[in-house]
């Protein structure tokens, strides 16, 4: 907030809120949220995990 106040720019605040909005949406289904975290952990370890491209996932969610 201090940065936004000094720069008179709310971009960083909007980005922060958007980030947390996605966390809130993804955690509405605890099982799906746990699966997402498991897949992310596996990807970070370098495992080959079948995944849906983000552009296709957004279409499936109607975004």
PDB file of N, CA and C in Angstrom:
ATOM      1  N   UNK A   1       0.824  -1.187   0.000  1.00  0.00           N
ATOM      2  CA  UNK A   1       0.000   0.000   0.000  1.00  0.00           C
ATOM      3  C   UNK A   1       0.873   1.257   0.000  1.00  0.00           C
ATOM      4  N   UNK A   2       1.944   1.227   0.772  1.00  0.00           N
ATOM      5  CA  UNK A   2       2.818   2.405   0.816  1.00  0.00           C
ATOM      6  C   UNK A   2       3.402   2.696  -0.563  1.00  0.00           C
ATOM      7  N   UNK A   3       3.806   1.631  -1.272  1.00  0.00           N
ATOM      8  CA  UNK A   3       4.365   1.799  -2.615  1.00  0.00           C
ATOM      9  C   UNK A   3       3.311   2.393  -3.548  1.00  0.00           C
ATOM     10  N   UNK A   4       2.096   1.887  -3.472  1.00  0.00           N
ATOM     11  CA  UNK A   4       1.006   2.394  -4.320  1.00  0.00           C
ATOM     12  C   UNK A   4       0.722   3.859  -4.008  1.00  0.00           C
ATOM     13  N   UNK A   5       0.787   4.188  -2.730  1.00  0.00           N
ATOM     14  CA  UNK A   5       0.541   5.571  -2.316  1.00  0.00           C
ATOM     15  C   UNK A   5       1.623   6.509  -2.851  1.00  0.00           C
ATOM     16  N   UNK A   6       2.880   6.079  -2.720  1.00  0.00           N
ATOM     17  CA  UNK A   6       3.992   6.910  -3.166  1.00  0.00           C
ATOM     18  C   UNK A   6       3.982   7.105  -4.683  1.00  0.00           C
ATOM     19  N   UNK A   7       3.683   6.044  -5.425  1.00  0.00           N
ATOM     20  CA  UNK A   7       3.743   6.099  -6.887  1.00  0.00           C
ATOM     21  C   UNK A   7       2.411   6.497  -7.517  1.00  0.00           C
ATOM     22  N   UNK A   8       1.356   6.540  -6.695  1.00  0.00           N
ATOM     23  CA  UNK A   8       0.011   6.801  -7.201  1.00  0.00           C
ATOM     24  C   UNK A   8      -0.341   5.798  -8.314  1.00  0.00           C
ATOM     25  N   UNK A   9       0.023   4.537  -8.049  1.00  0.00           N
ATOM     26  CA  UNK A   9      -0.191   3.463  -9.018  1.00  0.00           C
ATOM     27  C   UNK A   9      -0.660   2.222  -8.266  1.00  0.00           C
ATOM     28  N   UNK A  10      -1.839   1.752  -8.605  1.00  0.00           N
ATOM     29  CA  UNK A  10      -2.418   0.598  -7.907  1.00  0.00           C
ATOM     30  C   UNK A  10      -2.131  -0.729  -8.613  1.00  0.00           C
ATOM     31  N   UNK A  11      -1.255  -0.741  -9.606  1.00  0.00           N
ATOM     32  CA  UNK A  11      -0.975  -1.957 -10.369  1.00  0.00           C
ATOM     33  C   UNK A  11      -0.518  -3.091  -9.454  1.00  0.00           C
ATOM     34  N   UNK A  12       0.441  -2.825  -8.581  1.00  0.00           N
ATOM     35  CA  UNK A  12       0.959  -3.873  -7.696  1.00  0.00           C
ATOM     36  C   UNK A  12      -0.143  -4.399  -6.768  1.00  0.00           C
ATOM     37  N   UNK A  13      -1.001  -3.533  -6.294  1.00  0.00           N
ATOM     38  CA  UNK A  13      -2.104  -3.958  -5.438  1.00  0.00           C
ATOM     39  C   UNK A  13      -3.071  -4.848  -6.215  1.00  0.00           C
ATOM     40  N   UNK A  14      -3.394  -4.467  -7.444  1.00  0.00           N
ATOM     41  CA  UNK A  14      -4.288  -5.288  -8.264  1.00  0.00           C
ATOM     42  C   UNK A  14      -3.674  -6.661  -8.547  1.00  0.00           C
ATOM     43  N   UNK A  15      -2.381  -6.704  -8.806  1.00  0.00           N
ATOM     44  CA  UNK A  15      -1.702  -7.981  -9.047  1.00  0.00           C
ATOM     45  C   UNK A  15      -1.745  -8.856  -7.801  1.00  0.00           C
ATOM     46  N   UNK A  16      -1.519  -8.251  -6.648  1.00  0.00           N
ATOM     47  CA  UNK A  16      -1.574  -8.979  -5.379  1.00  0.00           C
ATOM     48  C   UNK A  16      -2.966  -9.563  -5.150  1.00  0.00           C
ATOM     49  N   UNK A  17      -3.998  -8.757  -5.371  1.00  0.00           N
ATOM     50  CA  UNK A  17      -5.368  -9.222  -5.173  1.00  0.00           C
ATOM     51  C   UNK A  17      -5.738 -10.319  -6.173  1.00  0.00           C
ATOM     52  N   UNK A  18      -5.283 -10.198  -7.394  1.00  0.00           N
ATOM     53  CA  UNK A  18      -5.555 -11.228  -8.404  1.00  0.00           C
ATOM     54  C   UNK A  18      -4.898 -12.546  -8.011  1.00  0.00           C
ATOM     55  N   UNK A  19      -3.671 -12.474  -7.509  1.00  0.00           N
ATOM     56  CA  UNK A  19      -2.967 -13.673  -7.041  1.00  0.00           C
ATOM     57  C   UNK A  19      -3.780 -14.367  -5.954  1.00  0.00           C
ATOM     58  N   UNK A  20      -4.235 -13.625  -4.973  1.00  0.00           N
ATOM     59  CA  UNK A  20      -5.001 -14.222  -3.873  1.00  0.00           C
ATOM     60  C   UNK A  20      -6.394 -14.659  -4.310  1.00  0.00           C
ATOM     61  N   UNK A  21      -6.956 -14.017  -5.329  1.00  0.00           N
ATOM     62  CA  UNK A  21      -8.256 -14.446  -5.844  1.00  0.00           C
ATOM     63  C   UNK A  21      -8.133 -15.855  -6.412  1.00  0.00           C
ATOM     64  N   UNK A  22      -7.040 -16.110  -7.162  1.00  0.00           N
ATOM     65  CA  UNK A  22      -6.842 -17.444  -7.721  1.00  0.00           C
ATOM     66  C   UNK A  22      -6.623 -18.473  -6.622  1.00  0.00           C
ATOM     67  N   UNK A  23      -5.948 -18.113  -5.562  1.00  0.00           N
ATOM     68  CA  UNK A  23      -5.764 -19.041  -4.440  1.00  0.00           C
ATOM     69  C   UNK A  23      -7.111 -19.352  -3.803  1.00  0.00           C
ATOM     70  N   UNK A  24      -7.944 -18.340  -3.623  1.00  0.00           N
ATOM     71  CA  UNK A  24      -9.272 -18.554  -3.038  1.00  0.00           C
ATOM     72  C   UNK A  24     -10.125 -19.460  -3.930  1.00  0.00           C
ATOM     73  N   UNK A  25     -10.077 -19.231  -5.227  1.00  0.00           N
ATOM     74  CA  UNK A  25     -10.849 -20.060  -6.159  1.00  0.00           C
ATOM     75  C   UNK A  25     -10.349 -21.499  -6.125  1.00  0.00           C
ATOM     76  N   UNK A  26      -9.041 -21.672  -6.173  1.00  0.00           N
ATOM     77  CA  UNK A  26      -8.487 -23.028  -6.250  1.00  0.00           C
ATOM     78  C   UNK A  26      -8.669 -23.806  -4.959  1.00  0.00           C
ATOM     79  N   UNK A  27      -8.836 -23.124  -3.850  1.00  0.00           N
ATOM     80  CA  UNK A  27      -8.960 -23.839  -2.581  1.00  0.00           C
ATOM     81  C   UNK A  27     -10.419 -24.103  -2.191  1.00  0.00           C
ATOM     82  N   UNK A  28     -11.364 -23.770  -3.059  1.00  0.00           N
ATOM     83  CA  UNK A  28     -12.767 -24.059  -2.756  1.00  0.00           C
ATOM     84  C   UNK A  28     -13.032 -25.558  -2.725  1.00  0.00           C
ATOM     85  N   UNK A  29     -12.278 -26.320  -3.497  1.00  0.00           N
ATOM     86  CA  UNK A  29     -12.391 -27.778  -3.521  1.00  0.00           C
ATOM     87  C   UNK A  29     -11.100 -28.334  -2.922  1.00  0.00           C
ATOM     88  N   UNK A  30     -11.134 -28.730  -1.644  1.00  0.00           N
ATOM     89  CA  UNK A  30      -9.897 -29.157  -0.979  1.00  0.00           C
ATOM     90  C   UNK A  30      -9.163 -30.292  -1.697  1.00  0.00           C
ATOM     91  N   UNK A  31      -9.882 -31.258  -2.243  1.00  0.00           N
ATOM     92  CA  UNK A  31      -9.227 -32.370  -2.937  1.00  0.00           C
ATOM     93  C   UNK A  31      -8.522 -31.891  -4.200  1.00  0.00           C
ATOM     94  N   UNK A  32      -9.192 -31.048  -4.973  1.00  0.00           N
ATOM     95  CA  UNK A  32      -8.582 -30.503  -6.191  1.00  0.00           C
ATOM     96  C   UNK A  32      -7.380 -29.623  -5.842  1.00  0.00           C
ATOM     97  N   UNK A  33      -7.480 -28.876  -4.752  1.00  0.00           N
ATOM     98  CA  UNK A  33      -6.377 -28.008  -4.327  1.00  0.00           C
ATOM     99  C   UNK A  33      -5.158 -28.849  -3.942  1.00  0.00           C
ATOM    100  N   UNK A  34      -5.384 -29.928  -3.187  1.00  0.00           N
ATOM    101  CA  UNK A  34      -4.275 -30.813  -2.818  1.00  0.00           C
ATOM    102  C   UNK A  34      -3.638 -31.428  -4.064  1.00  0.00           C
ATOM    103  N   UNK A  35      -4.475 -31.813  -5.030  1.00  0.00           N
ATOM    104  CA  UNK A  35      -3.956 -32.388  -6.271  1.00  0.00           C
ATOM    105  C   UNK A  35      -3.096 -31.362  -7.007  1.00  0.00           C
ATOM    106  N   UNK A  36      -3.560 -30.113  -7.075  1.00  0.00           N
ATOM    107  CA  UNK A  36      -2.812 -29.061  -7.753  1.00  0.00           C
ATOM    108  C   UNK A  36      -1.447 -28.865  -7.088  1.00  0.00           C
ATOM    109  N   UNK A  37      -1.420 -28.853  -5.770  1.00  0.00           N
ATOM    110  CA  UNK A  37      -0.157 -28.658  -5.046  1.00  0.00           C
ATOM    111  C   UNK A  37       0.770 -29.853  -5.289  1.00  0.00           C
ATOM    112  N   UNK A  38       0.204 -31.069  -5.297  1.00  0.00           N
ATOM    113  CA  UNK A  38       1.003 -32.269  -5.570  1.00  0.00           C
ATOM    114  C   UNK A  38       1.619 -32.194  -6.960  1.00  0.00           C
ATOM    115  N   UNK A  39       0.829 -31.815  -7.952  1.00  0.00           N
ATOM    116  CA  UNK A  39       1.341 -31.704  -9.323  1.00  0.00           C
ATOM    117  C   UNK A  39       2.436 -30.643  -9.394  1.00  0.00           C
ATOM    118  N   UNK A  40       2.231 -29.507  -8.752  1.00  0.00           N
ATOM    119  CA  UNK A  40       3.244 -28.443  -8.751  1.00  0.00           C
ATOM    120  C   UNK A  40       4.544 -28.932  -8.111  1.00  0.00           C
ATOM    121  N   UNK A  41       4.433 -29.657  -6.995  1.00  0.00           N
ATOM    122  CA  UNK A  41       5.627 -30.204  -6.341  1.00  0.00           C
ATOM    123  C   UNK A  41       6.362 -31.173  -7.266  1.00  0.00           C
ATOM    124  N   UNK A  42       5.611 -32.031  -7.933  1.00  0.00           N
ATOM    125  CA  UNK A  42       6.215 -32.998  -8.850  1.00  0.00           C
ATOM    126  C   UNK A  42       6.904 -32.294 -10.017  1.00  0.00           C
ATOM    127  N   UNK A  43       6.274 -31.255 -10.550  1.00  0.00           N
ATOM    128  CA  UNK A  43       6.889 -30.493 -11.642  1.00  0.00           C
ATOM    129  C   UNK A  43       8.179 -29.817 -11.190  1.00  0.00           C
ATOM    130  N   UNK A  44       8.174 -29.272  -9.984  1.00  0.00           N
ATOM    131  CA  UNK A  44       9.378 -28.616  -9.463  1.00  0.00           C
ATOM    132  C   UNK A  44      10.515 -29.612  -9.271  1.00  0.00           C
ATOM    133  N   UNK A  45      10.177 -30.872  -8.993  1.00  0.00           N
ATOM    134  CA  UNK A  45      11.207 -31.909  -8.847  1.00  0.00           C
ATOM    135  C   UNK A  45      11.701 -32.407 -10.203  1.00  0.00           C
ATOM    136  N   UNK A  46      11.068 -31.917 -11.290  1.00  0.00           N
ATOM    137  CA  UNK A  46      11.492 -32.299 -12.626  1.00  0.00           C
ATOM    138  C   UNK A  46      10.783 -33.516 -13.180  1.00  0.00           C
ATOM    139  N   UNK A  47       9.748 -33.980 -12.495  1.00  0.00           N
ATOM    140  CA  UNK A  47       9.002 -35.132 -12.995  1.00  0.00           C
ATOM    141  C   UNK A  47       8.182 -34.737 -14.222  1.00  0.00           C
ATOM    142  N   UNK A  48       7.969 -35.706 -15.100  1.00  0.00           N
ATOM    143  CA  UNK A  48       7.142 -35.490 -16.280  1.00  0.00           C
ATOM    144  C   UNK A  48       5.697 -35.749 -15.869  1.00  0.00           C
ATOM    145  N   UNK A  49       4.928 -34.693 -15.723  1.00  0.00           N
ATOM    146  CA  UNK A  49       3.548 -34.798 -15.256  1.00  0.00           C
ATOM    147  C   UNK A  49       2.616 -34.364 -16.381  1.00  0.00           C
ATOM    148  N   UNK A  50       1.664 -35.249 -16.772  1.00  0.00           N
ATOM    149  CA  UNK A  50       0.707 -34.816 -17.788  1.00  0.00           C
ATOM    150  C   UNK A  50      -0.084 -33.618 -17.259  1.00  0.00           C
ATOM    151  N   UNK A  51      -0.215 -32.614 -18.077  1.00  0.00           N
ATOM    152  CA  UNK A  51      -0.909 -31.404 -17.631  1.00  0.00           C
ATOM    153  C   UNK A  51      -1.669 -30.780 -18.800  1.00  0.00           C
ATOM    154  N   UNK A  52      -2.657 -29.988 -18.474  1.00  0.00           N
ATOM    155  CA  UNK A  52      -3.431 -29.248 -19.457  1.00  0.00           C
ATOM    156  C   UNK A  52      -2.828 -27.855 -19.591  1.00  0.00           C
ATOM    157  N   UNK A  53      -2.576 -27.401 -20.811  1.00  0.00           N
ATOM    158  CA  UNK A  53      -2.047 -26.042 -20.970  1.00  0.00           C
ATOM    159  C   UNK A  53      -2.997 -25.020 -20.331  1.00  0.00           C
ATOM    160  N   UNK A  54      -2.427 -23.952 -19.782  1.00  0.00           N
ATOM    161  CA  UNK A  54      -3.213 -22.949 -19.077  1.00  0.00           C
ATOM    162  C   UNK A  54      -4.314 -22.376 -19.968  1.00  0.00           C
ATOM    163  N   UNK A  55      -4.005 -22.158 -21.247  1.00  0.00           N
ATOM    164  CA  UNK A  55      -5.008 -21.587 -22.148  1.00  0.00           C
ATOM    165  C   UNK A  55      -6.216 -22.514 -22.278  1.00  0.00           C
ATOM    166  N   UNK A  56      -5.982 -23.823 -22.293  1.00  0.00           N
ATOM    167  CA  UNK A  56      -7.083 -24.787 -22.385  1.00  0.00           C
ATOM    168  C   UNK A  56      -7.837 -24.878 -21.057  1.00  0.00           C
ATOM    169  N   UNK A  57      -7.123 -24.845 -19.956  1.00  0.00           N
ATOM    170  CA  UNK A  57      -7.770 -24.887 -18.640  1.00  0.00           C
ATOM    171  C   UNK A  57      -8.694 -23.699 -18.454  1.00  0.00           C
ATOM    172  N   UNK A  58      -8.257 -22.505 -18.883  1.00  0.00           N
ATOM    173  CA  UNK A  58      -9.098 -21.312 -18.768  1.00  0.00           C
ATOM    174  C   UNK A  58     -10.373 -21.477 -19.593  1.00  0.00           C
ATOM    175  N   UNK A  59     -10.249 -22.060 -20.794  1.00  0.00           N
ATOM    176  CA  UNK A  59     -11.441 -22.285 -21.616  1.00  0.00           C
ATOM    177  C   UNK A  59     -12.404 -23.227 -20.904  1.00  0.00           C
ATOM    178  N   UNK A  60     -11.865 -24.293 -20.298  1.00  0.00           N
ATOM    179  CA  UNK A  60     -12.709 -25.254 -19.599  1.00  0.00           C
ATOM    180  C   UNK A  60     -13.426 -24.625 -18.412  1.00  0.00           C
ATOM    181  N   UNK A  61     -12.785 -23.626 -17.807  1.00  0.00           N
ATOM    182  CA  UNK A  61     -13.386 -22.953 -16.652  1.00  0.00           C
ATOM    183  C   UNK A  61     -14.273 -21.775 -17.077  1.00  0.00           C
ATOM    184  N   UNK A  62     -14.310 -21.503 -18.364  1.00  0.00           N
ATOM    185  CA  UNK A  62     -15.128 -20.394 -18.851  1.00  0.00           C
ATOM    186  C   UNK A  62     -14.521 -19.033 -18.617  1.00  0.00           C
ATOM    187  N   UNK A  63     -13.190 -18.983 -18.547  1.00  0.00           N
ATOM    188  CA  UNK A  63     -12.505 -17.699 -18.302  1.00  0.00           C
ATOM    189  C   UNK A  63     -11.959 -17.126 -19.592  1.00  0.00           C
TER     190      UNK A  63
END
